Amino acid sequence: MNIREFETWVRRLRPSLQAVARRMLADEDDAEDAVQDAFLRIIGRIEQIDDIDSVETKRYVSLAARNAAIDRYRKRIWLRR
């Protein structure tokens, strides 16, 4: 996957991932940060992605975003202590 393909892919997926993160975090800024964190995790494994439109890849991306949102939520709670 070249950089243009990746950018197009990110633009296509970002809205749905942000919607999930926003519902989980109830905060637009935290949701944006969580999605950014998820894409950073994905970049680290980009060589392992064969087909960006496969069900497996979509599941991985969704889980990465969900897990990043959970991490943000936990961090928010920890910082309030």
Protein backbone atom coordinates (compact mmCIF):
# COMPACT_ATOMS: atom_id res chain seq x y z
CA MET A 1 0.00 0.00 0.00
CA ASN A 2 1.47 3.34 -0.98
CA ILE A 3 0.94 6.61 0.88
CA ARG A 4 -1.88 7.81 -1.41
CA GLU A 5 -3.82 4.58 -0.96
CA PHE A 6 -3.33 4.82 2.79
CA GLU A 7 -4.51 8.44 2.91
CA THR A 8 -7.62 7.58 0.89
CA TRP A 9 -8.28 4.60 3.13
CA VAL A 10 -7.92 6.73 6.28
CA ARG A 11 -10.28 9.40 4.90
CA ARG A 12 -12.85 6.74 4.11
CA LEU A 13 -12.68 5.01 7.50
CA ARG A 14 -12.17 7.96 9.84
CA PRO A 15 -15.83 9.11 10.10
CA SER A 16 -17.18 5.73 11.20
CA LEU A 17 -14.30 5.14 13.62
CA GLN A 18 -14.76 8.59 15.12
CA ALA A 19 -18.46 7.94 15.57
CA VAL A 20 -17.70 4.80 17.56
CA ALA A 21 -15.06 6.54 19.66
CA ARG A 22 -17.35 9.55 20.22
CA ARG A 23 -20.14 7.29 21.50
CA MET A 24 -17.73 5.55 23.85
CA LEU A 25 -15.99 8.68 25.14
CA ALA A 26 -18.70 11.35 24.83
CA ASP A 27 -16.01 13.85 23.89
CA GLU A 28 -15.04 14.97 20.39
CA ASP A 29 -11.41 15.74 21.19
CA ASP A 30 -10.84 12.44 22.98
CA ALA A 31 -12.52 10.60 20.11
CA GLU A 32 -10.24 12.31 17.59
CA ASP A 33 -7.19 11.40 19.68
CA ALA A 34 -8.35 7.79 20.04
CA VAL A 35 -8.80 7.41 16.28
CA GLN A 36 -5.38 8.98 15.71
CA ASP A 37 -3.87 6.49 18.18
CA ALA A 38 -5.61 3.65 16.37
CA PHE A 39 -4.18 4.68 13.02
CA LEU A 40 -0.71 4.91 14.54
CA ARG A 41 -1.09 1.33 15.75
CA ILE A 42 -2.28 0.28 12.30
CA ILE A 43 0.68 1.96 10.61
CA GLY A 44 2.94 -0.20 12.74
CA ARG A 45 1.39 -3.31 11.19
CA ILE A 46 0.67 -1.99 7.69
CA GLU A 47 3.00 -4.52 6.04
CA GLN A 48 0.82 -7.32 7.38
CA ILE A 49 -2.33 -5.99 5.71
CA ASP A 50 -2.82 -7.69 2.35
CA ASP A 51 -6.29 -6.51 1.39
CA ILE A 52 -7.47 -3.20 2.85
CA ASP A 53 -11.08 -3.99 1.98
CA SER A 54 -11.22 -7.45 3.53
CA VAL A 55 -13.55 -8.23 6.41
CA GLU A 56 -10.56 -9.21 8.51
CA THR A 57 -8.88 -5.84 7.97
CA LYS A 58 -12.07 -3.93 8.73
CA ARG A 59 -12.49 -5.95 11.93
CA TYR A 60 -8.88 -5.24 12.92
CA VAL A 61 -9.28 -1.51 12.29
CA SER A 62 -12.54 -1.40 14.25
CA LEU A 63 -10.97 -3.23 17.18
CA ALA A 64 -7.93 -0.95 17.09
CA ALA A 65 -10.21 2.10 17.31
CA ARG A 66 -12.33 0.55 20.04
CA ASN A 67 -9.26 -0.40 22.07
CA ALA A 68 -7.75 3.06 21.64
CA ALA A 69 -11.01 4.59 22.91
CA ILE A 70 -10.96 2.25 25.92
CA ASP A 71 -7.35 3.24 26.62
CA ARG A 72 -8.34 6.92 26.46
CA TYR A 73 -11.23 6.32 28.84
CA ARG A 74 -8.98 4.52 31.32
CA LYS A 75 -6.43 7.31 31.11
CA ARG A 76 -9.12 9.90 31.74
CA ILE A 77 -10.28 8.04 34.86
CA TRP A 78 -6.72 7.57 36.08
CA LEU A 79 -5.95 11.29 35.68
CA ARG A 80 -9.00 12.22 37.77
CA ARG A 81 -7.64 10.39 40.82
